[in-house]
Amino acid sequence: MQNSHLTFTGAAAAKDHWHPTMAILLVLGLCGLGSFLLLSVGSVLKENPLFWRNAGGYPLELRTVVLCGYYPLLLLNAVLCCAATAVGVHEYRTTGSFCGWSITVVAVLWSLLFLNVGFILANNVENLLSGRPLHFHSIP
């Protein structure tokens, strides 16, 4: 007997059927994890005071990459999150159920995006509340 209500299917049920949306979510998840790794490195470097001074020993080319590439990479990650969410919603609308790992992929991608943005915002809010300029970095 088939249920007419919406169901949540776990990993065991996902092995029985493979939807094209699962492959798309897998690719989006892997691309998202790789780009979030780069974004996390950029976030840490961006908030490191020694990174922007010659005293840190970082190459000038790396500073240029972080300066010019950070926000486009942040935008790419936001687009990947939106795309993964859209694919998950499409899966729900076509099959009437959510696969557990698709929810996990979407949740992890959004969580990583908010963690990176939160890391950057925390320093800037602290600077503004302390009366310092927005992108101020104290010398350690």
C-alpha atoms as a PDB file:
ATOM      1  CA  MET A   1       0.000   0.000   0.000  1.00  0.00           C
ATOM      2  CA  GLN A   2       1.411   3.351  -1.012  1.00  0.00           C
ATOM      3  CA  ASN A   3       1.264   6.367   1.287  1.00  0.00           C
ATOM      4  CA  SER A   4      -0.193   9.527  -0.189  1.00  0.00           C
ATOM      5  CA  HIS A   5       1.507  11.863   2.279  1.00  0.00           C
ATOM      6  CA  LEU A   6       4.988  13.313   2.035  1.00  0.00           C
ATOM      7  CA  THR A   7       7.794  11.159   3.366  1.00  0.00           C
ATOM      8  CA  PHE A   8      11.396  11.550   4.406  1.00  0.00           C
ATOM      9  CA  THR A   9      13.590   8.858   2.892  1.00  0.00           C
ATOM     10  CA  GLY A  10      16.926   8.012   4.428  1.00  0.00           C
ATOM     11  CA  ALA A  11      20.107   6.546   2.984  1.00  0.00           C
ATOM     12  CA  ALA A  12      18.695   3.013   2.822  1.00  0.00           C
ATOM     13  CA  ALA A  13      15.827   4.093   0.597  1.00  0.00           C
ATOM     14  CA  ALA A  14      18.150   6.258  -1.520  1.00  0.00           C
ATOM     15  CA  LYS A  15      20.100   3.153  -2.586  1.00  0.00           C
ATOM     16  CA  ASP A  16      16.963   1.709  -4.175  1.00  0.00           C
ATOM     17  CA  HIS A  17      16.462   4.570  -6.603  1.00  0.00           C
ATOM     18  CA  TRP A  18      18.815   7.097  -8.174  1.00  0.00           C
ATOM     19  CA  HIS A  19      17.468  10.391  -9.454  1.00  0.00           C
ATOM     20  CA  PRO A  20      19.359  12.787 -11.713  1.00  0.00           C
ATOM     21  CA  THR A  21      18.906  15.431  -9.032  1.00  0.00           C
ATOM     22  CA  MET A  22      21.081  13.345  -6.711  1.00  0.00           C
ATOM     23  CA  ALA A  23      23.975  13.519  -9.171  1.00  0.00           C
ATOM     24  CA  ILE A  24      23.518  17.263  -9.561  1.00  0.00           C
ATOM     25  CA  LEU A  25      23.487  17.721  -5.784  1.00  0.00           C
ATOM     26  CA  LEU A  26      26.600  15.585  -5.466  1.00  0.00           C
ATOM     27  CA  VAL A  27      28.469  17.727  -8.002  1.00  0.00           C
ATOM     28  CA  LEU A  28      27.228  20.954  -6.390  1.00  0.00           C
ATOM     29  CA  GLY A  29      28.255  19.653  -2.967  1.00  0.00           C
ATOM     30  CA  LEU A  30      31.762  18.706  -4.075  1.00  0.00           C
ATOM     31  CA  CYS A  31      32.277  21.994  -5.923  1.00  0.00           C
ATOM     32  CA  GLY A  32      30.885  23.841  -2.930  1.00  0.00           C
ATOM     33  CA  LEU A  33      33.209  22.121  -0.475  1.00  0.00           C
ATOM     34  CA  GLY A  34      36.249  22.883  -2.623  1.00  0.00           C
ATOM     35  CA  SER A  35      35.350  26.517  -3.087  1.00  0.00           C
ATOM     36  CA  PHE A  36      34.480  26.879   0.598  1.00  0.00           C
ATOM     37  CA  LEU A  37      37.913  25.571   1.489  1.00  0.00           C
ATOM     38  CA  LEU A  38      39.443  28.328  -0.652  1.00  0.00           C
ATOM     39  CA  LEU A  39      37.039  30.871   0.820  1.00  0.00           C
ATOM     40  CA  SER A  40      37.938  29.827   4.365  1.00  0.00           C
ATOM     41  CA  VAL A  41      41.643  30.288   3.657  1.00  0.00           C
ATOM     42  CA  GLY A  42      40.849  33.676   2.140  1.00  0.00           C
ATOM     43  CA  SER A  43      38.751  34.646   5.169  1.00  0.00           C
ATOM     44  CA  VAL A  44      41.548  33.792   7.586  1.00  0.00           C
ATOM     45  CA  LEU A  45      44.152  35.617   5.505  1.00  0.00           C
ATOM     46  CA  LYS A  46      41.869  38.609   4.999  1.00  0.00           C
ATOM     47  CA  GLU A  47      41.527  39.111   8.762  1.00  0.00           C
ATOM     48  CA  ASN A  48      45.196  38.458   9.568  1.00  0.00           C
ATOM     49  CA  PRO A  49      46.973  41.782  10.223  1.00  0.00           C
ATOM     50  CA  LEU A  50      50.374  40.425   9.145  1.00  0.00           C
ATOM     51  CA  PHE A  51      48.960  39.375   5.787  1.00  0.00           C
ATOM     52  CA  TRP A  52      48.506  42.996   4.678  1.00  0.00           C
ATOM     53  CA  ARG A  53      51.946  44.122   5.851  1.00  0.00           C
ATOM     54  CA  ASN A  54      55.333  43.191   4.482  1.00  0.00           C
ATOM     55  CA  ALA A  55      56.244  41.814   7.933  1.00  0.00           C
ATOM     56  CA  GLY A  56      54.144  38.688   7.408  1.00  0.00           C
ATOM     57  CA  GLY A  57      56.287  37.219   4.656  1.00  0.00           C
ATOM     58  CA  TYR A  58      53.312  36.643   2.336  1.00  0.00           C
ATOM     59  CA  PRO A  59      53.920  37.116  -1.397  1.00  0.00           C
ATOM     60  CA  LEU A  60      52.409  40.196  -3.010  1.00  0.00           C
ATOM     61  CA  GLU A  61      50.684  37.993  -5.601  1.00  0.00           C
ATOM     62  CA  LEU A  62      48.776  36.185  -2.852  1.00  0.00           C
ATOM     63  CA  ARG A  63      47.601  39.521  -1.464  1.00  0.00           C
ATOM     64  CA  THR A  64      46.381  40.486  -4.930  1.00  0.00           C
ATOM     65  CA  VAL A  65      44.523  37.179  -5.312  1.00  0.00           C
ATOM     66  CA  VAL A  66      42.793  37.604  -1.946  1.00  0.00           C
ATOM     67  CA  LEU A  67      42.021  41.272  -2.590  1.00  0.00           C
ATOM     68  CA  CYS A  68      40.584  40.721  -6.080  1.00  0.00           C
ATOM     69  CA  GLY A  69      39.230  37.196  -5.754  1.00  0.00           C
ATOM     70  CA  TYR A  70      37.635  37.032  -2.309  1.00  0.00           C
ATOM     71  CA  TYR A  71      34.274  38.639  -3.067  1.00  0.00           C
ATOM     72  CA  PRO A  72      33.760  36.890  -6.439  1.00  0.00           C
ATOM     73  CA  LEU A  73      34.471  33.587  -4.657  1.00  0.00           C
ATOM     74  CA  LEU A  74      31.992  34.547  -1.937  1.00  0.00           C
ATOM     75  CA  LEU A  75      29.411  35.263  -4.631  1.00  0.00           C
ATOM     76  CA  LEU A  76      30.167  31.918  -6.316  1.00  0.00           C
ATOM     77  CA  ASN A  77      29.593  30.142  -3.011  1.00  0.00           C
ATOM     78  CA  ALA A  78      26.283  31.928  -2.507  1.00  0.00           C
ATOM     79  CA  VAL A  79      25.226  30.889  -6.028  1.00  0.00           C
ATOM     80  CA  LEU A  80      26.219  27.265  -5.276  1.00  0.00           C
ATOM     81  CA  CYS A  81      24.117  27.366  -2.104  1.00  0.00           C
ATOM     82  CA  CYS A  82      21.125  28.735  -4.001  1.00  0.00           C
ATOM     83  CA  ALA A  83      21.564  26.173  -6.780  1.00  0.00           C
ATOM     84  CA  ALA A  84      21.783  23.280  -4.305  1.00  0.00           C
ATOM     85  CA  THR A  85      18.663  24.561  -2.551  1.00  0.00           C
ATOM     86  CA  ALA A  86      16.823  24.837  -5.873  1.00  0.00           C
ATOM     87  CA  VAL A  87      17.803  21.271  -6.818  1.00  0.00           C
ATOM     88  CA  GLY A  88      16.662  20.028  -3.397  1.00  0.00           C
ATOM     89  CA  VAL A  89      13.315  21.802  -3.771  1.00  0.00           C
ATOM     90  CA  HIS A  90      12.976  20.372  -7.284  1.00  0.00           C
ATOM     91  CA  GLU A  91      13.622  16.882  -5.913  1.00  0.00           C
ATOM     92  CA  TYR A  92      10.954  17.419  -3.280  1.00  0.00           C
ATOM     93  CA  ARG A  93       8.439  18.695  -5.828  1.00  0.00           C
ATOM     94  CA  THR A  94       9.025  15.847  -8.298  1.00  0.00           C
ATOM     95  CA  THR A  95       9.328  12.897  -5.905  1.00  0.00           C
ATOM     96  CA  GLY A  96       7.276  14.130  -2.959  1.00  0.00           C
ATOM     97  CA  SER A  97      10.060  13.270  -0.518  1.00  0.00           C
ATOM     98  CA  PHE A  98      13.441  14.445   0.682  1.00  0.00           C
ATOM     99  CA  CYS A  99      16.508  12.254   0.610  1.00  0.00           C
ATOM    100  CA  GLY A 100      18.501  12.577   3.830  1.00  0.00           C
ATOM    101  CA  TRP A 101      21.817  13.312   2.180  1.00  0.00           C
ATOM    102  CA  SER A 102      20.350  16.034  -0.044  1.00  0.00           C
ATOM    103  CA  ILE A 103      19.177  17.877   3.054  1.00  0.00           C
ATOM    104  CA  THR A 104      22.640  17.358   4.513  1.00  0.00           C
ATOM    105  CA  VAL A 105      24.385  18.792   1.427  1.00  0.00           C
ATOM    106  CA  VAL A 106      22.200  21.898   1.430  1.00  0.00           C
ATOM    107  CA  ALA A 107      22.543  22.401   5.198  1.00  0.00           C
ATOM    108  CA  VAL A 108      26.338  22.001   5.138  1.00  0.00           C
ATOM    109  CA  LEU A 109      26.779  24.424   2.221  1.00  0.00           C
ATOM    110  CA  TRP A 110      24.630  27.120   3.844  1.00  0.00           C
ATOM    111  CA  SER A 111      26.319  26.582   7.219  1.00  0.00           C
ATOM    112  CA  LEU A 112      29.779  27.005   5.703  1.00  0.00           C
ATOM    113  CA  LEU A 113      28.693  30.180   3.933  1.00  0.00           C
ATOM    114  CA  PHE A 114      27.320  31.690   7.148  1.00  0.00           C
ATOM    115  CA  LEU A 115      30.431  30.671   9.094  1.00  0.00           C
ATOM    116  CA  ASN A 116      32.708  32.421   6.599  1.00  0.00           C
ATOM    117  CA  VAL A 117      30.569  35.552   6.481  1.00  0.00           C
ATOM    118  CA  GLY A 118      30.238  35.536  10.274  1.00  0.00           C
ATOM    119  CA  PHE A 119      33.998  35.304  10.696  1.00  0.00           C
ATOM    120  CA  ILE A 120      34.513  38.391   8.535  1.00  0.00           C
ATOM    121  CA  LEU A 121      31.638  40.342  10.081  1.00  0.00           C
ATOM    122  CA  ALA A 122      32.732  39.639  13.658  1.00  0.00           C
ATOM    123  CA  ASN A 123      35.994  41.538  13.232  1.00  0.00           C
ATOM    124  CA  ASN A 124      34.333  44.431  11.432  1.00  0.00           C
ATOM    125  CA  VAL A 125      31.569  44.790  14.041  1.00  0.00           C
ATOM    126  CA  GLU A 126      34.155  44.676  16.823  1.00  0.00           C
ATOM    127  CA  ASN A 127      36.105  47.453  15.093  1.00  0.00           C
ATOM    128  CA  LEU A 128      33.032  49.646  14.654  1.00  0.00           C
ATOM    129  CA  LEU A 129      31.913  49.176  18.279  1.00  0.00           C
ATOM    130  CA  SER A 130      35.418  50.088  19.473  1.00  0.00           C
ATOM    131  CA  GLY A 131      35.464  53.294  17.439  1.00  0.00           C
ATOM    132  CA  ARG A 132      38.103  52.059  14.994  1.00  0.00           C
ATOM    133  CA  PRO A 133      37.878  52.098  11.178  1.00  0.00           C
ATOM    134  CA  LEU A 134      35.906  49.263   9.563  1.00  0.00           C
ATOM    135  CA  HIS A 135      38.840  47.177   8.296  1.00  0.00           C
ATOM    136  CA  PHE A 136      41.270  48.013  11.106  1.00  0.00           C
ATOM    137  CA  HIS A 137      43.814  45.353  12.093  1.00  0.00           C
ATOM    138  CA  SER A 138      45.847  45.892  15.218  1.00  0.00           C
ATOM    139  CA  ILE A 139      49.523  44.965  15.232  1.00  0.00           C
ATOM    140  CA  PRO A 140      50.028  41.867  17.397  1.00  0.00           C
END
